[in-house]
Amino acid sequence: MADVEEMAENASTVFNVHVQEFVDAIWVALRDPSLDVRERAVEALRACLRVIEKRETRWRVQWYYCMFEATQEGLGKNAPVHSIHGSLLAVGELL
């Protein structure tokens, strides 16, 4: 996770090309049973959101929407506690 976070912060132009892949993949880490993994994932998500915010792109709204939809999936009725926690961490960053 640290590498992704550093890439988002220090090489945002390069990272911007891979935002969609990041948005698709971050949920595995955000819903990991390990609290440490979830905390590092939310730090990487925060860095990604900063990149998205700074870039004028036609994909920005789509990325936000995808993230919002993924948080809803993690808050489902039978979702495990770690999935709910990860989704709430993501909601906090989206706000």
PDB file of N, CA and C in Angstrom:
ATOM      1  N   MET A   1       0.810  -1.195   0.000  1.00  0.00           N
ATOM      2  CA  MET A   1       0.000   0.000   0.000  1.00  0.00           C
ATOM      3  C   MET A   1       0.852   1.257   0.000  1.00  0.00           C
ATOM      4  N   ALA A   2       1.961   1.212   0.717  1.00  0.00           N
ATOM      5  CA  ALA A   2       2.803   2.405   0.809  1.00  0.00           C
ATOM      6  C   ALA A   2       3.294   2.824  -0.569  1.00  0.00           C
ATOM      7  N   ASP A   3       3.610   1.851  -1.415  1.00  0.00           N
ATOM      8  CA  ASP A   3       4.086   2.182  -2.756  1.00  0.00           C
ATOM      9  C   ASP A   3       3.011   2.893  -3.569  1.00  0.00           C
ATOM     10  N   VAL A   4       1.792   2.434  -3.463  1.00  0.00           N
ATOM     11  CA  VAL A   4       0.689   3.062  -4.195  1.00  0.00           C
ATOM     12  C   VAL A   4       0.461   4.474  -3.679  1.00  0.00           C
ATOM     13  N   GLU A   5       0.489   4.623  -2.357  1.00  0.00           N
ATOM     14  CA  GLU A   5       0.297   5.950  -1.765  1.00  0.00           C
ATOM     15  C   GLU A   5       1.403   6.900  -2.213  1.00  0.00           C
ATOM     16  N   GLU A   6       2.660   6.440  -2.175  1.00  0.00           N
ATOM     17  CA  GLU A   6       3.781   7.279  -2.603  1.00  0.00           C
ATOM     18  C   GLU A   6       3.679   7.629  -4.081  1.00  0.00           C
ATOM     19  N   MET A   7       3.273   6.666  -4.897  1.00  0.00           N
ATOM     20  CA  MET A   7       3.134   6.936  -6.327  1.00  0.00           C
ATOM     21  C   MET A   7       2.049   7.981  -6.570  1.00  0.00           C
ATOM     22  N   ALA A   8       0.942   7.867  -5.856  1.00  0.00           N
ATOM     23  CA  ALA A   8      -0.148   8.833  -6.026  1.00  0.00           C
ATOM     24  C   ALA A   8       0.297  10.230  -5.631  1.00  0.00           C
ATOM     25  N   GLU A   9       1.106  10.323  -4.577  1.00  0.00           N
ATOM     26  CA  GLU A   9       1.529  11.635  -4.095  1.00  0.00           C
ATOM     27  C   GLU A   9       2.684  12.221  -4.897  1.00  0.00           C
ATOM     28  N   ASN A  10       3.636  11.378  -5.294  1.00  0.00           N
ATOM     29  CA  ASN A  10       4.867  11.884  -5.898  1.00  0.00           C
ATOM     30  C   ASN A  10       4.926  11.769  -7.415  1.00  0.00           C
ATOM     31  N   ALA A  11       4.068  10.980  -7.991  1.00  0.00           N
ATOM     32  CA  ALA A  11       4.053  10.821  -9.452  1.00  0.00           C
ATOM     33  C   ALA A  11       2.604  10.807  -9.925  1.00  0.00           C
ATOM     34  N   SER A  12       1.890  11.860  -9.579  1.00  0.00           N
ATOM     35  CA  SER A  12       0.452  11.876  -9.834  1.00  0.00           C
ATOM     36  C   SER A  12       0.097  11.758 -11.311  1.00  0.00           C
ATOM     37  N   THR A  13       0.940  12.275 -12.188  1.00  0.00           N
ATOM     38  CA  THR A  13       0.661  12.167 -13.621  1.00  0.00           C
ATOM     39  C   THR A  13       0.695  10.710 -14.058  1.00  0.00           C
ATOM     40  N   VAL A  14       1.683   9.976 -13.587  1.00  0.00           N
ATOM     41  CA  VAL A  14       1.784   8.553 -13.910  1.00  0.00           C
ATOM     42  C   VAL A  14       0.636   7.788 -13.253  1.00  0.00           C
ATOM     43  N   PHE A  15       0.373   8.103 -12.003  1.00  0.00           N
ATOM     44  CA  PHE A  15      -0.687   7.405 -11.270  1.00  0.00           C
ATOM     45  C   PHE A  15      -2.055   7.645 -11.903  1.00  0.00           C
ATOM     46  N   ASN A  16      -2.279   8.831 -12.412  1.00  0.00           N
ATOM     47  CA  ASN A  16      -3.577   9.188 -12.981  1.00  0.00           C
ATOM     48  C   ASN A  16      -4.016   8.209 -14.066  1.00  0.00           C
ATOM     49  N   VAL A  17      -3.070   7.660 -14.793  1.00  0.00           N
ATOM     50  CA  VAL A  17      -3.378   6.685 -15.840  1.00  0.00           C
ATOM     51  C   VAL A  17      -3.957   5.401 -15.238  1.00  0.00           C
ATOM     52  N   HIS A  18      -3.620   5.136 -13.979  1.00  0.00           N
ATOM     53  CA  HIS A  18      -4.011   3.879 -13.338  1.00  0.00           C
ATOM     54  C   HIS A  18      -5.092   4.042 -12.271  1.00  0.00           C
ATOM     55  N   VAL A  19      -5.739   5.179 -12.228  1.00  0.00           N
ATOM     56  CA  VAL A  19      -6.745   5.417 -11.188  1.00  0.00           C
ATOM     57  C   VAL A  19      -7.865   4.386 -11.256  1.00  0.00           C
ATOM     58  N   GLN A  20      -8.356   4.066 -12.437  1.00  0.00           N
ATOM     59  CA  GLN A  20      -9.463   3.107 -12.533  1.00  0.00           C
ATOM     60  C   GLN A  20      -9.072   1.754 -11.954  1.00  0.00           C
ATOM     61  N   GLU A  21      -7.869   1.286 -12.253  1.00  0.00           N
ATOM     62  CA  GLU A  21      -7.418   0.014 -11.691  1.00  0.00           C
ATOM     63  C   GLU A  21      -7.340   0.095 -10.174  1.00  0.00           C
ATOM     64  N   PHE A  22      -6.864   1.233  -9.678  1.00  0.00           N
ATOM     65  CA  PHE A  22      -6.781   1.430  -8.234  1.00  0.00           C
ATOM     66  C   PHE A  22      -8.173   1.393  -7.612  1.00  0.00           C
ATOM     67  N   VAL A  23      -9.107   2.133  -8.209  1.00  0.00           N
ATOM     68  CA  VAL A  23     -10.477   2.193  -7.689  1.00  0.00           C
ATOM     69  C   VAL A  23     -11.094   0.795  -7.653  1.00  0.00           C
ATOM     70  N   ASP A  24     -10.820  -0.011  -8.661  1.00  0.00           N
ATOM     71  CA  ASP A  24     -11.351  -1.371  -8.702  1.00  0.00           C
ATOM     72  C   ASP A  24     -10.704  -2.277  -7.657  1.00  0.00           C
ATOM     73  N   ALA A  25      -9.420  -2.074  -7.384  1.00  0.00           N
ATOM     74  CA  ALA A  25      -8.663  -2.997  -6.537  1.00  0.00           C
ATOM     75  C   ALA A  25      -8.623  -2.633  -5.055  1.00  0.00           C
ATOM     76  N   ILE A  26      -8.814  -1.396  -4.693  1.00  0.00           N
ATOM     77  CA  ILE A  26      -8.614  -0.960  -3.308  1.00  0.00           C
ATOM     78  C   ILE A  26      -9.579  -1.627  -2.336  1.00  0.00           C
ATOM     79  N   TRP A  27     -10.717  -2.085  -2.837  1.00  0.00           N
ATOM     80  CA  TRP A  27     -11.745  -2.640  -1.942  1.00  0.00           C
ATOM     81  C   TRP A  27     -11.315  -3.929  -1.291  1.00  0.00           C
ATOM     82  N   VAL A  28     -10.461  -4.692  -1.935  1.00  0.00           N
ATOM     83  CA  VAL A  28      -9.954  -5.917  -1.306  1.00  0.00           C
ATOM     84  C   VAL A  28      -9.220  -5.553  -0.019  1.00  0.00           C
ATOM     85  N   ALA A  29      -8.366  -4.547  -0.094  1.00  0.00           N
ATOM     86  CA  ALA A  29      -7.608  -4.127   1.087  1.00  0.00           C
ATOM     87  C   ALA A  29      -8.497  -3.416   2.105  1.00  0.00           C
ATOM     88  N   LEU A  30      -9.450  -2.618   1.643  1.00  0.00           N
ATOM     89  CA  LEU A  30     -10.334  -1.911   2.575  1.00  0.00           C
ATOM     90  C   LEU A  30     -11.240  -2.860   3.354  1.00  0.00           C
ATOM     91  N   ARG A  31     -11.463  -4.045   2.829  1.00  0.00           N
ATOM     92  CA  ARG A  31     -12.328  -5.025   3.499  1.00  0.00           C
ATOM     93  C   ARG A  31     -11.541  -6.180   4.101  1.00  0.00           C
ATOM     94  N   ASP A  32     -10.239  -6.026   4.180  1.00  0.00           N
ATOM     95  CA  ASP A  32      -9.376  -7.066   4.737  1.00  0.00           C
ATOM     96  C   ASP A  32      -9.667  -7.250   6.227  1.00  0.00           C
ATOM     97  N   PRO A  33      -9.601  -8.481   6.722  1.00  0.00           N
ATOM     98  CA  PRO A  33      -9.820  -8.698   8.155  1.00  0.00           C
ATOM     99  C   PRO A  33      -8.795  -7.996   9.056  1.00  0.00           C
ATOM    100  N   SER A  34      -7.625  -7.699   8.532  1.00  0.00           N
ATOM    101  CA  SER A  34      -6.581  -7.044   9.326  1.00  0.00           C
ATOM    102  C   SER A  34      -6.816  -5.532   9.400  1.00  0.00           C
ATOM    103  N   LEU A  35      -6.892  -5.019  10.611  1.00  0.00           N
ATOM    104  CA  LEU A  35      -7.077  -3.587  10.819  1.00  0.00           C
ATOM    105  C   LEU A  35      -5.927  -2.792  10.209  1.00  0.00           C
ATOM    106  N   ASP A  36      -4.703  -3.291  10.351  1.00  0.00           N
ATOM    107  CA  ASP A  36      -3.546  -2.587   9.784  1.00  0.00           C
ATOM    108  C   ASP A  36      -3.667  -2.434   8.273  1.00  0.00           C
ATOM    109  N   VAL A  37      -4.109  -3.482   7.600  1.00  0.00           N
ATOM    110  CA  VAL A  37      -4.272  -3.423   6.142  1.00  0.00           C
ATOM    111  C   VAL A  37      -5.343  -2.398   5.782  1.00  0.00           C
ATOM    112  N   ARG A  38      -6.453  -2.404   6.504  1.00  0.00           N
ATOM    113  CA  ARG A  38      -7.524  -1.432   6.220  1.00  0.00           C
ATOM    114  C   ARG A  38      -7.049   0.001   6.445  1.00  0.00           C
ATOM    115  N   GLU A  39      -6.281   0.221   7.507  1.00  0.00           N
ATOM    116  CA  GLU A  39      -5.787   1.572   7.785  1.00  0.00           C
ATOM    117  C   GLU A  39      -4.823   2.050   6.707  1.00  0.00           C
ATOM    118  N   ARG A  40      -3.949   1.177   6.231  1.00  0.00           N
ATOM    119  CA  ARG A  40      -3.030   1.547   5.144  1.00  0.00           C
ATOM    120  C   ARG A  40      -3.802   1.762   3.846  1.00  0.00           C
ATOM    121  N   ALA A  41      -4.832   0.964   3.624  1.00  0.00           N
ATOM    122  CA  ALA A  41      -5.641   1.113   2.413  1.00  0.00           C
ATOM    123  C   ALA A  41      -6.347   2.460   2.386  1.00  0.00           C
ATOM    124  N   VAL A  42      -6.849   2.907   3.521  1.00  0.00           N
ATOM    125  CA  VAL A  42      -7.542   4.199   3.540  1.00  0.00           C
ATOM    126  C   VAL A  42      -6.547   5.339   3.330  1.00  0.00           C
ATOM    127  N   GLU A  43      -5.305   5.166   3.758  1.00  0.00           N
ATOM    128  CA  GLU A  43      -4.281   6.177   3.470  1.00  0.00           C
ATOM    129  C   GLU A  43      -4.013   6.250   1.967  1.00  0.00           C
ATOM    130  N   ALA A  44      -3.946   5.088   1.325  1.00  0.00           N
ATOM    131  CA  ALA A  44      -3.748   5.062  -0.128  1.00  0.00           C
ATOM    132  C   ALA A  44      -4.957   5.660  -0.845  1.00  0.00           C
ATOM    133  N   LEU A  45      -6.156   5.352  -0.355  1.00  0.00           N
ATOM    134  CA  LEU A  45      -7.370   5.931  -0.939  1.00  0.00           C
ATOM    135  C   LEU A  45      -7.352   7.450  -0.813  1.00  0.00           C
ATOM    136  N   ARG A  46      -6.924   7.944   0.331  1.00  0.00           N
ATOM    137  CA  ARG A  46      -6.834   9.397   0.551  1.00  0.00           C
ATOM    138  C   ARG A  46      -5.902  10.032  -0.480  1.00  0.00           C
ATOM    139  N   ALA A  47      -4.755   9.414  -0.716  1.00  0.00           N
ATOM    140  CA  ALA A  47      -3.806   9.938  -1.703  1.00  0.00           C
ATOM    141  C   ALA A  47      -4.412   9.905  -3.103  1.00  0.00           C
ATOM    142  N   CYS A  48      -5.117   8.834  -3.424  1.00  0.00           N
ATOM    143  CA  CYS A  48      -5.769   8.725  -4.732  1.00  0.00           C
ATOM    144  C   CYS A  48      -6.823   9.814  -4.903  1.00  0.00           C
ATOM    145  N   LEU A  49      -7.603  10.053  -3.876  1.00  0.00           N
ATOM    146  CA  LEU A  49      -8.639  11.087  -3.957  1.00  0.00           C
ATOM    147  C   LEU A  49      -8.032  12.471  -4.149  1.00  0.00           C
ATOM    148  N   ARG A  50      -6.853  12.695  -3.582  1.00  0.00           N
ATOM    149  CA  ARG A  50      -6.174  13.977  -3.803  1.00  0.00           C
ATOM    150  C   ARG A  50      -5.766  14.122  -5.266  1.00  0.00           C
ATOM    151  N   VAL A  51      -5.310  13.035  -5.875  1.00  0.00           N
ATOM    152  CA  VAL A  51      -4.952  13.063  -7.296  1.00  0.00           C
ATOM    153  C   VAL A  51      -6.195  13.343  -8.133  1.00  0.00           C
ATOM    154  N   ILE A  52      -7.280  12.648  -7.841  1.00  0.00           N
ATOM    155  CA  ILE A  52      -8.522  12.842  -8.590  1.00  0.00           C
ATOM    156  C   ILE A  52      -9.004  14.280  -8.464  1.00  0.00           C
ATOM    157  N   GLU A  53      -8.927  14.816  -7.262  1.00  0.00           N
ATOM    158  CA  GLU A  53      -9.396  16.185  -7.020  1.00  0.00           C
ATOM    159  C   GLU A  53      -8.611  17.212  -7.832  1.00  0.00           C
ATOM    160  N   LYS A  54      -7.315  16.992  -7.989  1.00  0.00           N
ATOM    161  CA  LYS A  54      -6.456  17.960  -8.676  1.00  0.00           C
ATOM    162  C   LYS A  54      -6.573  17.891 -10.192  1.00  0.00           C
ATOM    163  N   ARG A  55      -7.044  16.766 -10.703  1.00  0.00           N
ATOM    164  CA  ARG A  55      -7.090  16.561 -12.147  1.00  0.00           C
ATOM    165  C   ARG A  55      -8.453  16.893 -12.721  1.00  0.00           C
ATOM    166  N   GLU A  56      -8.444  17.651 -13.785  1.00  0.00           N
ATOM    167  CA  GLU A  56      -9.677  17.870 -14.541  1.00  0.00           C
ATOM    168  C   GLU A  56      -9.797  16.713 -15.525  1.00  0.00           C
ATOM    169  N   THR A  57     -10.739  15.851 -15.279  1.00  0.00           N
ATOM    170  CA  THR A  57     -10.915  14.702 -16.148  1.00  0.00           C
ATOM    171  C   THR A  57     -12.393  14.360 -16.259  1.00  0.00           C
ATOM    172  N   ARG A  58     -12.762  13.854 -17.383  1.00  0.00           N
ATOM    173  CA  ARG A  58     -14.161  13.476 -17.596  1.00  0.00           C
ATOM    174  C   ARG A  58     -14.528  12.238 -16.783  1.00  0.00           C
ATOM    175  N   TRP A  59     -13.531  11.549 -16.246  1.00  0.00           N
ATOM    176  CA  TRP A  59     -13.773  10.320 -15.489  1.00  0.00           C
ATOM    177  C   TRP A  59     -13.997  10.565 -14.000  1.00  0.00           C
ATOM    178  N   ARG A  60     -13.753  11.769 -13.538  1.00  0.00           N
ATOM    179  CA  ARG A  60     -13.794  12.046 -12.099  1.00  0.00           C
ATOM    180  C   ARG A  60     -15.127  11.628 -11.468  1.00  0.00           C
ATOM    181  N   VAL A  61     -16.230  12.067 -12.027  1.00  0.00           N
ATOM    182  CA  VAL A  61     -17.542  11.741 -11.458  1.00  0.00           C
ATOM    183  C   VAL A  61     -17.765  10.233 -11.473  1.00  0.00           C
ATOM    184  N   GLN A  62     -17.342   9.583 -12.541  1.00  0.00           N
ATOM    185  CA  GLN A  62     -17.494   8.134 -12.627  1.00  0.00           C
ATOM    186  C   GLN A  62     -16.702   7.441 -11.522  1.00  0.00           C
ATOM    187  N   TRP A  63     -15.476   7.899 -11.262  1.00  0.00           N
ATOM    188  CA  TRP A  63     -14.665   7.295 -10.200  1.00  0.00           C
ATOM    189  C   TRP A  63     -15.316   7.483  -8.840  1.00  0.00           C
ATOM    190  N   TYR A  64     -15.805   8.682  -8.558  1.00  0.00           N
ATOM    191  CA  TYR A  64     -16.496   8.921  -7.287  1.00  0.00           C
ATOM    192  C   TYR A  64     -17.725   8.021  -7.166  1.00  0.00           C
ATOM    193  N   TYR A  65     -18.473   7.903  -8.250  1.00  0.00           N
ATOM    194  CA  TYR A  65     -19.675   7.074  -8.221  1.00  0.00           C
ATOM    195  C   TYR A  65     -19.320   5.608  -7.977  1.00  0.00           C
ATOM    196  N   CYS A  66     -18.293   5.105  -8.652  1.00  0.00           N
ATOM    197  CA  CYS A  66     -17.850   3.718  -8.446  1.00  0.00           C
ATOM    198  C   CYS A  66     -17.468   3.488  -6.988  1.00  0.00           C
ATOM    199  N   MET A  67     -16.764   4.447  -6.409  1.00  0.00           N
ATOM    200  CA  MET A  67     -16.364   4.313  -5.007  1.00  0.00           C
ATOM    201  C   MET A  67     -17.580   4.326  -4.090  1.00  0.00           C
ATOM    202  N   PHE A  68     -18.521   5.207  -4.355  1.00  0.00           N
ATOM    203  CA  PHE A  68     -19.731   5.257  -3.537  1.00  0.00           C
ATOM    204  C   PHE A  68     -20.499   3.941  -3.629  1.00  0.00           C
ATOM    205  N   GLU A  69     -20.655   3.415  -4.834  1.00  0.00           N
ATOM    206  CA  GLU A  69     -21.351   2.143  -5.019  1.00  0.00           C
ATOM    207  C   GLU A  69     -20.647   1.020  -4.265  1.00  0.00           C
ATOM    208  N   ALA A  70     -19.328   1.002  -4.303  1.00  0.00           N
ATOM    209  CA  ALA A  70     -18.574  -0.035  -3.599  1.00  0.00           C
ATOM    210  C   ALA A  70     -18.756   0.082  -2.088  1.00  0.00           C
ATOM    211  N   THR A  71     -18.861   1.299  -1.580  1.00  0.00           N
ATOM    212  CA  THR A  71     -19.097   1.445  -0.136  1.00  0.00           C
ATOM    213  C   THR A  71     -20.462   0.868   0.230  1.00  0.00           C
ATOM    214  N   GLN A  72     -21.444   1.044  -0.627  1.00  0.00           N
ATOM    215  CA  GLN A  72     -22.778   0.511  -0.356  1.00  0.00           C
ATOM    216  C   GLN A  72     -22.757  -1.014  -0.307  1.00  0.00           C
ATOM    217  N   GLU A  73     -21.977  -1.627  -1.193  1.00  0.00           N
ATOM    218  CA  GLU A  73     -21.855  -3.085  -1.195  1.00  0.00           C
ATOM    219  C   GLU A  73     -21.262  -3.576   0.120  1.00  0.00           C
ATOM    220  N   GLY A  74     -20.292  -2.843   0.648  1.00  0.00           N
ATOM    221  CA  GLY A  74     -19.640  -3.238   1.892  1.00  0.00           C
ATOM    222  C   GLY A  74     -20.467  -2.981   3.132  1.00  0.00           C
ATOM    223  N   LEU A  75     -21.583  -2.292   2.978  1.00  0.00           N
ATOM    224  CA  LEU A  75     -22.465  -2.003   4.112  1.00  0.00           C
ATOM    225  C   LEU A  75     -23.731  -2.857   4.071  1.00  0.00           C
ATOM    226  N   GLY A  76     -23.682  -3.926   3.289  1.00  0.00           N
ATOM    227  CA  GLY A  76     -24.853  -4.788   3.129  1.00  0.00           C
ATOM    228  C   GLY A  76     -25.290  -5.444   4.427  1.00  0.00           C
ATOM    229  N   LYS A  77     -26.494  -5.976   4.413  1.00  0.00           N
ATOM    230  CA  LYS A  77     -27.120  -6.548   5.600  1.00  0.00           C
ATOM    231  C   LYS A  77     -26.274  -7.644   6.251  1.00  0.00           C
ATOM    232  N   ASN A  78     -25.687  -8.507   5.473  1.00  0.00           N
ATOM    233  CA  ASN A  78     -24.911  -9.625   6.017  1.00  0.00           C
ATOM    234  C   ASN A  78     -23.404  -9.408   5.909  1.00  0.00           C
ATOM    235  N   ALA A  79     -22.989  -8.175   5.743  1.00  0.00           N
ATOM    236  CA  ALA A  79     -21.559  -7.881   5.578  1.00  0.00           C
ATOM    237  C   ALA A  79     -20.816  -8.119   6.892  1.00  0.00           C
ATOM    238  N   PRO A  80     -19.610  -8.676   6.800  1.00  0.00           N
ATOM    239  CA  PRO A  80     -18.807  -8.855   8.016  1.00  0.00           C
ATOM    240  C   PRO A  80     -18.368  -7.503   8.587  1.00  0.00           C
ATOM    241  N   VAL A  81     -18.043  -7.507   9.853  1.00  0.00           N
ATOM    242  CA  VAL A  81     -17.674  -6.272  10.547  1.00  0.00           C
ATOM    243  C   VAL A  81     -16.507  -5.572   9.858  1.00  0.00           C
ATOM    244  N   HIS A  82     -15.489  -6.328   9.436  1.00  0.00           N
ATOM    245  CA  HIS A  82     -14.327  -5.684   8.805  1.00  0.00           C
ATOM    246  C   HIS A  82     -14.700  -5.045   7.467  1.00  0.00           C
ATOM    247  N   SER A  83     -15.662  -5.610   6.774  1.00  0.00           N
ATOM    248  CA  SER A  83     -16.127  -5.012   5.521  1.00  0.00           C
ATOM    249  C   SER A  83     -16.887  -3.716   5.794  1.00  0.00           C
ATOM    250  N   ILE A  84     -17.712  -3.734   6.814  1.00  0.00           N
ATOM    251  CA  ILE A  84     -18.450  -2.526   7.201  1.00  0.00           C
ATOM    252  C   ILE A  84     -17.477  -1.434   7.622  1.00  0.00           C
ATOM    253  N   HIS A  85     -16.485  -1.805   8.428  1.00  0.00           N
ATOM    254  CA  HIS A  85     -15.501  -0.818   8.884  1.00  0.00           C
ATOM    255  C   HIS A  85     -14.754  -0.211   7.699  1.00  0.00           C
ATOM    256  N   GLY A  86     -14.299  -1.042   6.768  1.00  0.00           N
ATOM    257  CA  GLY A  86     -13.587  -0.538   5.595  1.00  0.00           C
ATOM    258  C   GLY A  86     -14.447   0.386   4.753  1.00  0.00           C
ATOM    259  N   SER A  87     -15.707   0.037   4.601  1.00  0.00           N
ATOM    260  CA  SER A  87     -16.614   0.892   3.835  1.00  0.00           C
ATOM    261  C   SER A  87     -16.839   2.224   4.533  1.00  0.00           C
ATOM    262  N   LEU A  88     -16.959   2.203   5.854  1.00  0.00           N
ATOM    263  CA  LEU A  88     -17.125   3.454   6.595  1.00  0.00           C
ATOM    264  C   LEU A  88     -15.869   4.322   6.514  1.00  0.00           C
ATOM    265  N   LEU A  89     -14.701   3.694   6.534  1.00  0.00           N
ATOM    266  CA  LEU A  89     -13.460   4.455   6.339  1.00  0.00           C
ATOM    267  C   LEU A  89     -13.474   5.140   4.976  1.00  0.00           C
ATOM    268  N   ALA A  90     -13.908   4.407   3.953  1.00  0.00           N
ATOM    269  CA  ALA A  90     -13.964   4.973   2.602  1.00  0.00           C
ATOM    270  C   ALA A  90     -14.976   6.111   2.522  1.00  0.00           C
ATOM    271  N   VAL A  91     -16.137   5.943   3.151  1.00  0.00           N
ATOM    272  CA  VAL A  91     -17.142   7.009   3.163  1.00  0.00           C
ATOM    273  C   VAL A  91     -16.559   8.259   3.801  1.00  0.00           C
ATOM    274  N   GLY A  92     -15.834   8.076   4.895  1.00  0.00           N
ATOM    275  CA  GLY A  92     -15.201   9.219   5.554  1.00  0.00           C
ATOM    276  C   GLY A  92     -14.266   9.969   4.629  1.00  0.00           C
ATOM    277  N   GLU A  93     -13.520   9.253   3.821  1.00  0.00           N
ATOM    278  CA  GLU A  93     -12.608   9.904   2.874  1.00  0.00           C
ATOM    279  C   GLU A  93     -13.375  10.571   1.741  1.00  0.00           C
ATOM    280  N   LEU A  94     -14.439   9.943   1.284  1.00  0.00           N
ATOM    281  CA  LEU A  94     -15.228  10.527   0.199  1.00  0.00           C
ATOM    282  C   LEU A  94     -15.905  11.821   0.632  1.00  0.00           C
ATOM    283  N   LEU A  95     -16.258  11.902   1.901  1.00  0.00           N
ATOM    284  CA  LEU A  95     -16.888  13.126   2.399  1.00  0.00           C
ATOM    285  C   LEU A  95     -15.860  14.223   2.511  1.00  0.00           C
TER     286      LEU A  95
END
